[in-house]
Each structure stands twice: as structure tokens, then as C-alpha cells.
């Protein structure tokens, strides 16, 4: 999954949870292979950074499902495109 799609997906989840962020940045693309990870950072409104790890959980054609871990806990499964 391209980096910008992953960042947008995480941003939507955080917005739905009413988490006030300035931006979401990921270190790179999320590989379309189960178990692969990518680190992302949410810049919070107070200037702090929240580290998250996205983990690919399922690949079905062009759809990639992934979990997002915050402080080692799974936040919510997400679905995206390669």
C-alpha cells in the first residue's frame, strides 16, 4: 500500500475517534504481505508525536487489511488498496 494511502487511512481513523492531529506521516509503504509492518507517526495538536505500527493482516487482490498498534495495542483493523 502506498505511503500516502496508509497515512490517509490512519488519519481518517484518528479523526473518527476525535483525536486532534496535525498530520500523519509514515516511514514508507506498507508491504502487501501478511505480517509486514510500517511505522507511522501522528503529530498531535499539542506538538507531541504518537508512534503507531501498521501490520498487514490480510491481502485479497487489490485490498489490503491492516491493524494499527498504538503502544503495543491493536487499535482497529483497516482496509485499503495496494
PDB file of N, CA and C in Angstrom:
ATOM      1  N   UNK A   1       0.857  -1.159   0.000  1.00  0.00           N
ATOM      2  CA  UNK A   1       0.000   0.000   0.000  1.00  0.00           C
ATOM      3  C   UNK A   1       0.909   1.228   0.000  1.00  0.00           C
ATOM      4  N   UNK A   2       0.643   2.141  -0.894  1.00  0.00           N
ATOM      5  CA  UNK A   2       1.469   3.349  -0.931  1.00  0.00           C
ATOM      6  C   UNK A   2       1.412   4.129   0.385  1.00  0.00           C
ATOM      7  N   UNK A   3       2.524   4.732   0.700  1.00  0.00           N
ATOM      8  CA  UNK A   3       2.674   5.515   1.928  1.00  0.00           C
ATOM      9  C   UNK A   3       1.539   6.523   2.109  1.00  0.00           C
ATOM     10  N   UNK A   4       1.206   7.258   1.058  1.00  0.00           N
ATOM     11  CA  UNK A   4       0.178   8.306   1.189  1.00  0.00           C
ATOM     12  C   UNK A   4      -1.202   7.718   1.475  1.00  0.00           C
ATOM     13  N   UNK A   5      -1.511   6.517   0.945  1.00  0.00           N
ATOM     14  CA  UNK A   5      -2.791   5.865   1.245  1.00  0.00           C
ATOM     15  C   UNK A   5      -2.840   5.412   2.704  1.00  0.00           C
ATOM     16  N   UNK A   6      -1.731   4.892   3.192  1.00  0.00           N
ATOM     17  CA  UNK A   6      -1.650   4.461   4.585  1.00  0.00           C
ATOM     18  C   UNK A   6      -1.819   5.660   5.524  1.00  0.00           C
ATOM     19  N   UNK A   7      -1.136   6.746   5.223  1.00  0.00           N
ATOM     20  CA  UNK A   7      -1.250   7.958   6.042  1.00  0.00           C
ATOM     21  C   UNK A   7      -2.685   8.479   6.063  1.00  0.00           C
ATOM     22  N   UNK A   8      -3.325   8.484   4.903  1.00  0.00           N
ATOM     23  CA  UNK A   8      -4.713   8.961   4.818  1.00  0.00           C
ATOM     24  C   UNK A   8      -5.655   8.054   5.608  1.00  0.00           C
ATOM     25  N   UNK A   9      -5.464   6.737   5.507  1.00  0.00           N
ATOM     26  CA  UNK A   9      -6.312   5.789   6.232  1.00  0.00           C
ATOM     27  C   UNK A   9      -6.192   5.941   7.738  1.00  0.00           C
ATOM     28  N   UNK A  10      -4.976   6.073   8.215  1.00  0.00           N
ATOM     29  CA  UNK A  10      -4.766   6.266   9.648  1.00  0.00           C
ATOM     30  C   UNK A  10      -5.347   7.605  10.087  1.00  0.00           C
ATOM     31  N   UNK A  11      -5.181   8.624   9.275  1.00  0.00           N
ATOM     32  CA  UNK A  11      -5.747   9.939   9.589  1.00  0.00           C
ATOM     33  C   UNK A  11      -7.256   9.894   9.725  1.00  0.00           C
ATOM     34  N   UNK A  12      -7.919   9.128   8.843  1.00  0.00           N
ATOM     35  CA  UNK A  12      -9.385   9.004   8.917  1.00  0.00           C
ATOM     36  C   UNK A  12      -9.815   8.315  10.208  1.00  0.00           C
ATOM     37  N   UNK A  13      -9.091   7.270  10.597  1.00  0.00           N
ATOM     38  CA  UNK A  13      -9.424   6.564  11.839  1.00  0.00           C
ATOM     39  C   UNK A  13      -9.267   7.500  13.035  1.00  0.00           C
ATOM     40  N   UNK A  14      -8.163   8.223  13.090  1.00  0.00           N
ATOM     41  CA  UNK A  14      -7.935   9.138  14.209  1.00  0.00           C
ATOM     42  C   UNK A  14      -8.997  10.233  14.247  1.00  0.00           C
ATOM     43  N   UNK A  15      -9.391  10.743  13.090  1.00  0.00           N
ATOM     44  CA  UNK A  15     -10.443  11.772  13.038  1.00  0.00           C
ATOM     45  C   UNK A  15     -11.773  11.215  13.527  1.00  0.00           C
ATOM     46  N   UNK A  16     -12.078   9.976  13.142  1.00  0.00           N
ATOM     47  CA  UNK A  16     -13.330   9.347  13.577  1.00  0.00           C
ATOM     48  C   UNK A  16     -13.354   9.187  15.096  1.00  0.00           C
ATOM     49  N   UNK A  17     -12.189   8.990  15.685  1.00  0.00           N
ATOM     50  CA  UNK A  17     -12.081   8.868  17.138  1.00  0.00           C
ATOM     51  C   UNK A  17     -11.981  10.231  17.814  1.00  0.00           C
ATOM     52  N   UNK A  18     -12.099  11.315  17.036  1.00  0.00           N
ATOM     53  CA  UNK A  18     -11.971  12.681  17.550  1.00  0.00           C
ATOM     54  C   UNK A  18     -10.609  12.950  18.181  1.00  0.00           C
ATOM     55  N   UNK A  19      -9.571  12.331  17.606  1.00  0.00           N
ATOM     56  CA  UNK A  19      -8.200  12.595  18.034  1.00  0.00           C
ATOM     57  C   UNK A  19      -7.696  13.776  17.211  1.00  0.00           C
ATOM     58  N   UNK A  20      -7.291  14.822  17.887  1.00  0.00           N
ATOM     59  CA  UNK A  20      -6.876  16.057  17.219  1.00  0.00           C
ATOM     60  C   UNK A  20      -5.411  15.957  16.796  1.00  0.00           C
ATOM     61  N   UNK A  21      -5.183  15.717  15.505  1.00  0.00           N
ATOM     62  CA  UNK A  21      -3.824  15.607  14.976  1.00  0.00           C
ATOM     63  C   UNK A  21      -3.568  16.698  13.949  1.00  0.00           C
ATOM     64  N   UNK A  22      -2.307  17.046  13.803  1.00  0.00           N
ATOM     65  CA  UNK A  22      -1.900  17.987  12.755  1.00  0.00           C
ATOM     66  C   UNK A  22      -1.596  17.243  11.466  1.00  0.00           C
ATOM     67  N   UNK A  23      -1.003  16.053  11.607  1.00  0.00           N
ATOM     68  CA  UNK A  23      -0.625  15.283  10.421  1.00  0.00           C
ATOM     69  C   UNK A  23      -0.305  13.848  10.818  1.00  0.00           C
ATOM     70  N   UNK A  24      -0.265  12.975   9.809  1.00  0.00           N
ATOM     71  CA  UNK A  24       0.185  11.594   9.974  1.00  0.00           C
ATOM     72  C   UNK A  24       1.245  11.352   8.915  1.00  0.00           C
ATOM     73  N   UNK A  25       2.386  10.846   9.329  1.00  0.00           N
ATOM     74  CA  UNK A  25       3.477  10.539   8.407  1.00  0.00           C
ATOM     75  C   UNK A  25       3.947   9.118   8.662  1.00  0.00           C
ATOM     76  N   UNK A  26       4.146   8.366   7.588  1.00  0.00           N
ATOM     77  CA  UNK A  26       4.664   7.005   7.693  1.00  0.00           C
ATOM     78  C   UNK A  26       6.069   6.962   7.105  1.00  0.00           C
ATOM     79  N   UNK A  27       6.865   6.011   7.580  1.00  0.00           N
ATOM     80  CA  UNK A  27       8.250   5.901   7.134  1.00  0.00           C
ATOM     81  C   UNK A  27       8.375   5.352   5.716  1.00  0.00           C
ATOM     82  N   UNK A  28       7.312   4.735   5.195  1.00  0.00           N
ATOM     83  CA  UNK A  28       7.354   4.174   3.845  1.00  0.00           C
ATOM     84  C   UNK A  28       6.051   3.474   3.523  1.00  0.00           C
ATOM     85  N   UNK A  29       6.054   2.702   2.438  1.00  0.00           N
ATOM     86  CA  UNK A  29       4.882   1.934   2.017  1.00  0.00           C
ATOM     87  C   UNK A  29       4.648   0.764   2.968  1.00  0.00           C
ATOM     88  N   UNK A  30       3.404   0.273   3.022  1.00  0.00           N
ATOM     89  CA  UNK A  30       3.074  -0.933   3.782  1.00  0.00           C
ATOM     90  C   UNK A  30       3.089  -2.100   2.808  1.00  0.00           C
ATOM     91  N   UNK A  31       4.014  -3.061   2.976  1.00  0.00           N
ATOM     92  CA  UNK A  31       4.092  -4.184   2.045  1.00  0.00           C
ATOM     93  C   UNK A  31       2.820  -5.030   2.040  1.00  0.00           C
ATOM     94  N   UNK A  32       2.452  -5.512   0.854  1.00  0.00           N
ATOM     95  CA  UNK A  32       1.257  -6.352   0.681  1.00  0.00           C
ATOM     96  C   UNK A  32       1.610  -7.802   0.975  1.00  0.00           C
ATOM     97  N   UNK A  33       2.103  -8.039   2.180  1.00  0.00           N
ATOM     98  CA  UNK A  33       2.460  -9.379   2.630  1.00  0.00           C
ATOM     99  C   UNK A  33       2.102  -9.479   4.106  1.00  0.00           C
ATOM    100  N   UNK A  34       1.316 -10.499   4.456  1.00  0.00           N
ATOM    101  CA  UNK A  34       0.853 -10.663   5.835  1.00  0.00           C
ATOM    102  C   UNK A  34       2.040 -10.671   6.800  1.00  0.00           C
ATOM    103  N   UNK A  35       1.893  -9.897   7.865  1.00  0.00           N
ATOM    104  CA  UNK A  35       2.913  -9.824   8.900  1.00  0.00           C
ATOM    105  C   UNK A  35       3.912  -8.695   8.718  1.00  0.00           C
ATOM    106  N   UNK A  36       3.929  -8.068   7.553  1.00  0.00           N
ATOM    107  CA  UNK A  36       4.857  -6.960   7.319  1.00  0.00           C
ATOM    108  C   UNK A  36       4.372  -5.722   8.068  1.00  0.00           C
ATOM    109  N   UNK A  37       5.307  -4.880   8.463  1.00  0.00           N
ATOM    110  CA  UNK A  37       4.994  -3.716   9.294  1.00  0.00           C
ATOM    111  C   UNK A  37       5.522  -2.425   8.687  1.00  0.00           C
ATOM    112  N   UNK A  38       4.906  -1.321   9.105  1.00  0.00           N
ATOM    113  CA  UNK A  38       5.391   0.009   8.761  1.00  0.00           C
ATOM    114  C   UNK A  38       5.124   0.927   9.952  1.00  0.00           C
ATOM    115  N   UNK A  39       6.102   1.724  10.306  1.00  0.00           N
ATOM    116  CA  UNK A  39       5.966   2.668  11.412  1.00  0.00           C
ATOM    117  C   UNK A  39       5.409   3.990  10.902  1.00  0.00           C
ATOM    118  N   UNK A  40       4.450   4.520  11.642  1.00  0.00           N
ATOM    119  CA  UNK A  40       3.845   5.812  11.308  1.00  0.00           C
ATOM    120  C   UNK A  40       3.827   6.678  12.566  1.00  0.00           C
ATOM    121  N   UNK A  41       3.738   7.982  12.338  1.00  0.00           N
ATOM    122  CA  UNK A  41       3.757   8.954  13.423  1.00  0.00           C
ATOM    123  C   UNK A  41       2.615   9.933  13.242  1.00  0.00           C
ATOM    124  N   UNK A  42       1.860  10.166  14.295  1.00  0.00           N
ATOM    125  CA  UNK A  42       0.820  11.196  14.279  1.00  0.00           C
ATOM    126  C   UNK A  42       1.354  12.389  15.059  1.00  0.00           C
ATOM    127  N   UNK A  43       1.369  13.531  14.408  1.00  0.00           N
ATOM    128  CA  UNK A  43       1.760  14.775  15.076  1.00  0.00           C
ATOM    129  C   UNK A  43       0.507  15.320  15.738  1.00  0.00           C
ATOM    130  N   UNK A  44       0.513  15.363  17.064  1.00  0.00           N
ATOM    131  CA  UNK A  44      -0.657  15.768  17.823  1.00  0.00           C
ATOM    132  C   UNK A  44      -0.764  17.289  17.872  1.00  0.00           C
ATOM    133  N   UNK A  45      -1.946  17.770  18.213  1.00  0.00           N
ATOM    134  CA  UNK A  45      -2.184  19.217  18.256  1.00  0.00           C
ATOM    135  C   UNK A  45      -1.322  19.920  19.307  1.00  0.00           C
ATOM    136  N   UNK A  46      -0.878  19.170  20.327  1.00  0.00           N
ATOM    137  CA  UNK A  46      -0.023  19.772  21.359  1.00  0.00           C
ATOM    138  C   UNK A  46       1.459  19.737  20.981  1.00  0.00           C
ATOM    139  N   UNK A  47       1.761  19.226  19.772  1.00  0.00           N
ATOM    140  CA  UNK A  47       3.141  19.169  19.296  1.00  0.00           C
ATOM    141  C   UNK A  47       3.846  17.858  19.559  1.00  0.00           C
ATOM    142  N   UNK A  48       3.242  16.974  20.340  1.00  0.00           N
ATOM    143  CA  UNK A  48       3.858  15.679  20.610  1.00  0.00           C
ATOM    144  C   UNK A  48       3.644  14.738  19.421  1.00  0.00           C
ATOM    145  N   UNK A  49       4.413  13.650  19.393  1.00  0.00           N
ATOM    146  CA  UNK A  49       4.288  12.645  18.348  1.00  0.00           C
ATOM    147  C   UNK A  49       3.815  11.330  18.946  1.00  0.00           C
ATOM    148  N   UNK A  50       2.867  10.691  18.277  1.00  0.00           N
ATOM    149  CA  UNK A  50       2.347   9.396  18.694  1.00  0.00           C
ATOM    150  C   UNK A  50       2.839   8.356  17.698  1.00  0.00           C
ATOM    151  N   UNK A  51       3.595   7.370  18.180  1.00  0.00           N
ATOM    152  CA  UNK A  51       4.120   6.313  17.319  1.00  0.00           C
ATOM    153  C   UNK A  51       3.085   5.213  17.164  1.00  0.00           C
ATOM    154  N   UNK A  52       2.898   4.783  15.911  1.00  0.00           N
ATOM    155  CA  UNK A  52       1.986   3.692  15.599  1.00  0.00           C
ATOM    156  C   UNK A  52       2.699   2.728  14.661  1.00  0.00           C
ATOM    157  N   UNK A  53       2.318   1.459  14.732  1.00  0.00           N
ATOM    158  CA  UNK A  53       2.854   0.463  13.815  1.00  0.00           C
ATOM    159  C   UNK A  53       1.679  -0.160  13.078  1.00  0.00           C
ATOM    160  N   UNK A  54       1.722  -0.108  11.745  1.00  0.00           N
ATOM    161  CA  UNK A  54       0.698  -0.734  10.902  1.00  0.00           C
ATOM    162  C   UNK A  54       1.208  -2.107  10.503  1.00  0.00           C
ATOM    163  N   UNK A  55       0.346  -3.121  10.640  1.00  0.00           N
ATOM    164  CA  UNK A  55       0.728  -4.500  10.355  1.00  0.00           C
ATOM    165  C   UNK A  55      -0.267  -5.093   9.371  1.00  0.00           C
ATOM    166  N   UNK A  56       0.230  -5.585   8.236  1.00  0.00           N
ATOM    167  CA  UNK A  56      -0.630  -6.215   7.238  1.00  0.00           C
ATOM    168  C   UNK A  56      -1.204  -7.502   7.815  1.00  0.00           C
ATOM    169  N   UNK A  57      -2.541  -7.642   7.788  1.00  0.00           N
ATOM    170  CA  UNK A  57      -3.188  -8.834   8.328  1.00  0.00           C
ATOM    171  C   UNK A  57      -3.815  -9.711   7.250  1.00  0.00           C
ATOM    172  N   UNK A  58      -4.158  -9.129   6.089  1.00  0.00           N
ATOM    173  CA  UNK A  58      -4.782  -9.907   5.021  1.00  0.00           C
ATOM    174  C   UNK A  58      -4.595  -9.184   3.696  1.00  0.00           C
ATOM    175  N   UNK A  59      -4.302  -9.949   2.655  1.00  0.00           N
ATOM    176  CA  UNK A  59      -4.205  -9.408   1.305  1.00  0.00           C
ATOM    177  C   UNK A  59      -5.160 -10.205   0.439  1.00  0.00           C
ATOM    178  N   UNK A  60      -6.083  -9.504  -0.239  1.00  0.00           N
ATOM    179  CA  UNK A  60      -7.075 -10.139  -1.104  1.00  0.00           C
ATOM    180  C   UNK A  60      -7.153  -9.325  -2.391  1.00  0.00           C
ATOM    181  N   UNK A  61      -6.390  -9.737  -3.390  1.00  0.00           N
ATOM    182  CA  UNK A  61      -6.355  -8.981  -4.635  1.00  0.00           C
ATOM    183  C   UNK A  61      -5.761  -7.608  -4.392  1.00  0.00           C
ATOM    184  N   UNK A  62      -6.539  -6.571  -4.709  1.00  0.00           N
ATOM    185  CA  UNK A  62      -6.083  -5.195  -4.518  1.00  0.00           C
ATOM    186  C   UNK A  62      -6.361  -4.660  -3.111  1.00  0.00           C
ATOM    187  N   UNK A  63      -7.086  -5.422  -2.296  1.00  0.00           N
ATOM    188  CA  UNK A  63      -7.420  -4.984  -0.937  1.00  0.00           C
ATOM    189  C   UNK A  63      -6.375  -5.470   0.060  1.00  0.00           C
ATOM    190  N   UNK A  64      -5.947  -4.550   0.903  1.00  0.00           N
ATOM    191  CA  UNK A  64      -5.025  -4.875   1.986  1.00  0.00           C
ATOM    192  C   UNK A  64      -5.709  -4.498   3.291  1.00  0.00           C
ATOM    193  N   UNK A  65      -5.759  -5.447   4.211  1.00  0.00           N
ATOM    194  CA  UNK A  65      -6.277  -5.152   5.553  1.00  0.00           C
ATOM    195  C   UNK A  65      -5.091  -5.057   6.489  1.00  0.00           C
ATOM    196  N   UNK A  66      -5.193  -4.127   7.415  1.00  0.00           N
ATOM    197  CA  UNK A  66      -4.103  -3.952   8.361  1.00  0.00           C
ATOM    198  C   UNK A  66      -4.625  -3.499   9.707  1.00  0.00           C
ATOM    199  N   UNK A  67      -3.868  -3.831  10.733  1.00  0.00           N
ATOM    200  CA  UNK A  67      -4.128  -3.361  12.083  1.00  0.00           C
ATOM    201  C   UNK A  67      -3.162  -2.228  12.366  1.00  0.00           C
ATOM    202  N   UNK A  68      -3.555  -1.372  13.264  1.00  0.00           N
ATOM    203  CA  UNK A  68      -2.685  -0.294  13.717  1.00  0.00           C
ATOM    204  C   UNK A  68      -2.491  -0.466  15.217  1.00  0.00           C
ATOM    205  N   UNK A  69      -1.242  -0.603  15.632  1.00  0.00           N
ATOM    206  CA  UNK A  69      -0.931  -0.727  17.052  1.00  0.00           C
ATOM    207  C   UNK A  69      -0.422   0.604  17.583  1.00  0.00           C
ATOM    208  N   UNK A  70      -0.982   0.995  18.709  1.00  0.00           N
ATOM    209  CA  UNK A  70      -0.546   2.194  19.421  1.00  0.00           C
ATOM    210  C   UNK A  70      -0.124   1.732  20.804  1.00  0.00           C
ATOM    211  N   UNK A  71       1.121   1.966  21.163  1.00  0.00           N
ATOM    212  CA  UNK A  71       1.641   1.500  22.451  1.00  0.00           C
ATOM    213  C   UNK A  71       1.446   0.000  22.623  1.00  0.00           C
ATOM    214  N   UNK A  72       1.611  -0.761  21.533  1.00  0.00           N
ATOM    215  CA  UNK A  72       1.549  -2.211  21.597  1.00  0.00           C
ATOM    216  C   UNK A  72       0.162  -2.808  21.593  1.00  0.00           C
ATOM    217  N   UNK A  73      -0.892  -1.985  21.483  1.00  0.00           N
ATOM    218  CA  UNK A  73      -2.263  -2.487  21.479  1.00  0.00           C
ATOM    219  C   UNK A  73      -2.891  -2.251  20.113  1.00  0.00           C
ATOM    220  N   UNK A  74      -3.628  -3.241  19.611  1.00  0.00           N
ATOM    221  CA  UNK A  74      -4.284  -3.102  18.318  1.00  0.00           C
ATOM    222  C   UNK A  74      -5.389  -2.067  18.429  1.00  0.00           C
ATOM    223  N   UNK A  75      -5.357  -1.081  17.537  1.00  0.00           N
ATOM    224  CA  UNK A  75      -6.357  -0.017  17.562  1.00  0.00           C
ATOM    225  C   UNK A  75      -7.616  -0.443  16.818  1.00  0.00           C
ATOM    226  N   UNK A  76      -7.520  -0.671  15.527  1.00  0.00           N
ATOM    227  CA  UNK A  76      -8.687  -1.049  14.731  1.00  0.00           C
ATOM    228  C   UNK A  76      -8.216  -1.560  13.380  1.00  0.00           C
ATOM    229  N   UNK A  77      -8.783  -2.693  12.905  1.00  0.00           N
ATOM    230  CA  UNK A  77      -8.414  -3.164  11.574  1.00  0.00           C
ATOM    231  C   UNK A  77      -8.818  -2.144  10.519  1.00  0.00           C
ATOM    232  N   UNK A  78      -7.991  -1.976   9.509  1.00  0.00           N
ATOM    233  CA  UNK A  78      -8.278  -1.058   8.416  1.00  0.00           C
ATOM    234  C   UNK A  78      -8.179  -1.811   7.104  1.00  0.00           C
ATOM    235  N   UNK A  79      -8.797  -1.266   6.092  1.00  0.00           N
ATOM    236  CA  UNK A  79      -8.782  -1.860   4.770  1.00  0.00           C
ATOM    237  C   UNK A  79      -8.329  -0.789   3.792  1.00  0.00           C
ATOM    238  N   UNK A  80      -7.527  -1.181   2.840  1.00  0.00           N
ATOM    239  CA  UNK A  80      -7.042  -0.218   1.857  1.00  0.00           C
ATOM    240  C   UNK A  80      -6.740  -0.883   0.538  1.00  0.00           C
ATOM    241  N   UNK A  81      -6.174  -0.152  -0.357  1.00  0.00           N
ATOM    242  CA  UNK A  81      -5.778  -0.645  -1.678  1.00  0.00           C
ATOM    243  C   UNK A  81      -4.265  -0.711  -1.755  1.00  0.00           C
ATOM    244  N   UNK A  82      -3.787  -1.622  -2.599  1.00  0.00           N
ATOM    245  CA  UNK A  82      -2.349  -1.725  -2.845  1.00  0.00           C
ATOM    246  C   UNK A  82      -1.861  -0.478  -3.516  1.00  0.00           C
TER     247      UNK A  82
END
